[in-house]
């Protein structure tokens, strides 16, 4: 897992959580799991709770075209 924060944003902080999975099915199974639900049950965006620091969130999936680790 990687947690990234966009640099040089003046109006807000943009945080991205990046995870790598063995398969799309493994990821889908995790999204539907009780573990995921328990870990995210208190996460609320602004439209659900005005006091939340989260403006928006969404899940985006990517294919890895190339990987290099030093």
C-alpha atoms as a PDB file:
ATOM      1  CA  UNK A   1       0.000   0.000   0.000  1.00  0.00           C
ATOM      2  CA  UNK A   2       1.098   3.552  -0.735  1.00  0.00           C
ATOM      3  CA  UNK A   3      -0.435   6.699   0.760  1.00  0.00           C
ATOM      4  CA  UNK A   4       0.311   9.774  -1.349  1.00  0.00           C
ATOM      5  CA  UNK A   5      -0.440  13.438  -0.824  1.00  0.00           C
ATOM      6  CA  UNK A   6      -0.462  15.894  -3.714  1.00  0.00           C
ATOM      7  CA  UNK A   7       2.084  18.670  -3.206  1.00  0.00           C
ATOM      8  CA  UNK A   8       1.507  22.394  -3.691  1.00  0.00           C
ATOM      9  CA  UNK A   9      -2.291  22.369  -3.451  1.00  0.00           C
ATOM     10  CA  UNK A  10      -3.427  25.618  -1.864  1.00  0.00           C
ATOM     11  CA  UNK A  11      -7.145  25.002  -1.381  1.00  0.00           C
ATOM     12  CA  UNK A  12      -7.150  21.420  -0.095  1.00  0.00           C
ATOM     13  CA  UNK A  13      -5.037  18.332   0.586  1.00  0.00           C
ATOM     14  CA  UNK A  14      -5.442  15.498  -1.909  1.00  0.00           C
ATOM     15  CA  UNK A  15      -4.629  12.092  -0.462  1.00  0.00           C
ATOM     16  CA  UNK A  16      -4.598   8.907  -2.532  1.00  0.00           C
ATOM     17  CA  UNK A  17      -4.397   5.370  -1.214  1.00  0.00           C
ATOM     18  CA  UNK A  18      -2.810   2.983  -3.710  1.00  0.00           C
ATOM     19  CA  UNK A  19      -2.962  -0.778  -3.240  1.00  0.00           C
ATOM     20  CA  UNK A  20      -1.749  -3.638  -5.438  1.00  0.00           C
ATOM     21  CA  UNK A  21      -3.729  -6.873  -5.651  1.00  0.00           C
ATOM     22  CA  UNK A  22      -2.968 -10.327  -7.076  1.00  0.00           C
ATOM     23  CA  UNK A  23      -6.164 -10.194  -9.114  1.00  0.00           C
ATOM     24  CA  UNK A  24      -9.209  -8.037  -9.735  1.00  0.00           C
ATOM     25  CA  UNK A  25     -11.306 -10.744  -8.068  1.00  0.00           C
ATOM     26  CA  UNK A  26      -9.197 -10.538  -4.892  1.00  0.00           C
ATOM     27  CA  UNK A  27      -9.797  -6.777  -4.799  1.00  0.00           C
ATOM     28  CA  UNK A  28     -13.536  -7.170  -5.448  1.00  0.00           C
ATOM     29  CA  UNK A  29     -13.804  -9.801  -2.713  1.00  0.00           C
ATOM     30  CA  UNK A  30     -12.028  -7.447  -0.282  1.00  0.00           C
ATOM     31  CA  UNK A  31     -14.389  -4.562  -1.162  1.00  0.00           C
ATOM     32  CA  UNK A  32     -17.344  -6.787  -0.256  1.00  0.00           C
ATOM     33  CA  UNK A  33     -15.733  -8.199   2.896  1.00  0.00           C
ATOM     34  CA  UNK A  34     -16.682  -7.576   6.510  1.00  0.00           C
ATOM     35  CA  UNK A  35     -13.077  -6.439   7.107  1.00  0.00           C
ATOM     36  CA  UNK A  36     -13.470  -3.614   4.561  1.00  0.00           C
ATOM     37  CA  UNK A  37     -16.897  -2.638   5.906  1.00  0.00           C
ATOM     38  CA  UNK A  38     -15.622  -2.515   9.489  1.00  0.00           C
ATOM     39  CA  UNK A  39     -12.568  -0.437   8.540  1.00  0.00           C
ATOM     40  CA  UNK A  40     -14.638   2.097   6.595  1.00  0.00           C
ATOM     41  CA  UNK A  41     -17.901   2.261   8.564  1.00  0.00           C
ATOM     42  CA  UNK A  42     -17.115   5.683  10.068  1.00  0.00           C
ATOM     43  CA  UNK A  43     -15.810   7.300   6.871  1.00  0.00           C
ATOM     44  CA  UNK A  44     -18.145  10.120   5.833  1.00  0.00           C
ATOM     45  CA  UNK A  45     -17.839  12.749   3.143  1.00  0.00           C
ATOM     46  CA  UNK A  46     -19.012  16.373   3.418  1.00  0.00           C
ATOM     47  CA  UNK A  47     -22.390  15.589   1.836  1.00  0.00           C
ATOM     48  CA  UNK A  48     -23.042  13.021   4.603  1.00  0.00           C
ATOM     49  CA  UNK A  49     -21.501  14.930   7.512  1.00  0.00           C
ATOM     50  CA  UNK A  50     -20.641  18.641   7.304  1.00  0.00           C
ATOM     51  CA  UNK A  51     -17.871  18.271   9.905  1.00  0.00           C
ATOM     52  CA  UNK A  52     -16.021  15.663   7.812  1.00  0.00           C
ATOM     53  CA  UNK A  53     -12.676  16.719   6.309  1.00  0.00           C
ATOM     54  CA  UNK A  54     -13.371  14.447   3.303  1.00  0.00           C
ATOM     55  CA  UNK A  55     -14.714  16.389   0.325  1.00  0.00           C
ATOM     56  CA  UNK A  56     -15.109  13.375  -1.936  1.00  0.00           C
ATOM     57  CA  UNK A  57     -13.861   9.842  -2.393  1.00  0.00           C
ATOM     58  CA  UNK A  58     -14.132   7.224  -5.098  1.00  0.00           C
ATOM     59  CA  UNK A  59     -12.539   3.951  -6.118  1.00  0.00           C
ATOM     60  CA  UNK A  60     -10.586   3.964  -9.381  1.00  0.00           C
ATOM     61  CA  UNK A  61      -8.874   0.866 -10.753  1.00  0.00           C
ATOM     62  CA  UNK A  62      -5.775   0.777 -12.949  1.00  0.00           C
ATOM     63  CA  UNK A  63      -3.671  -1.784 -14.781  1.00  0.00           C
ATOM     64  CA  UNK A  64       0.060  -1.664 -14.098  1.00  0.00           C
ATOM     65  CA  UNK A  65       1.813  -1.222 -17.433  1.00  0.00           C
ATOM     66  CA  UNK A  66       5.325  -1.319 -16.009  1.00  0.00           C
ATOM     67  CA  UNK A  67       6.835  -1.724 -12.568  1.00  0.00           C
ATOM     68  CA  UNK A  68      10.368  -0.967 -11.367  1.00  0.00           C
ATOM     69  CA  UNK A  69      11.434  -1.219  -7.762  1.00  0.00           C
ATOM     70  CA  UNK A  70      14.973  -0.300  -6.769  1.00  0.00           C
END
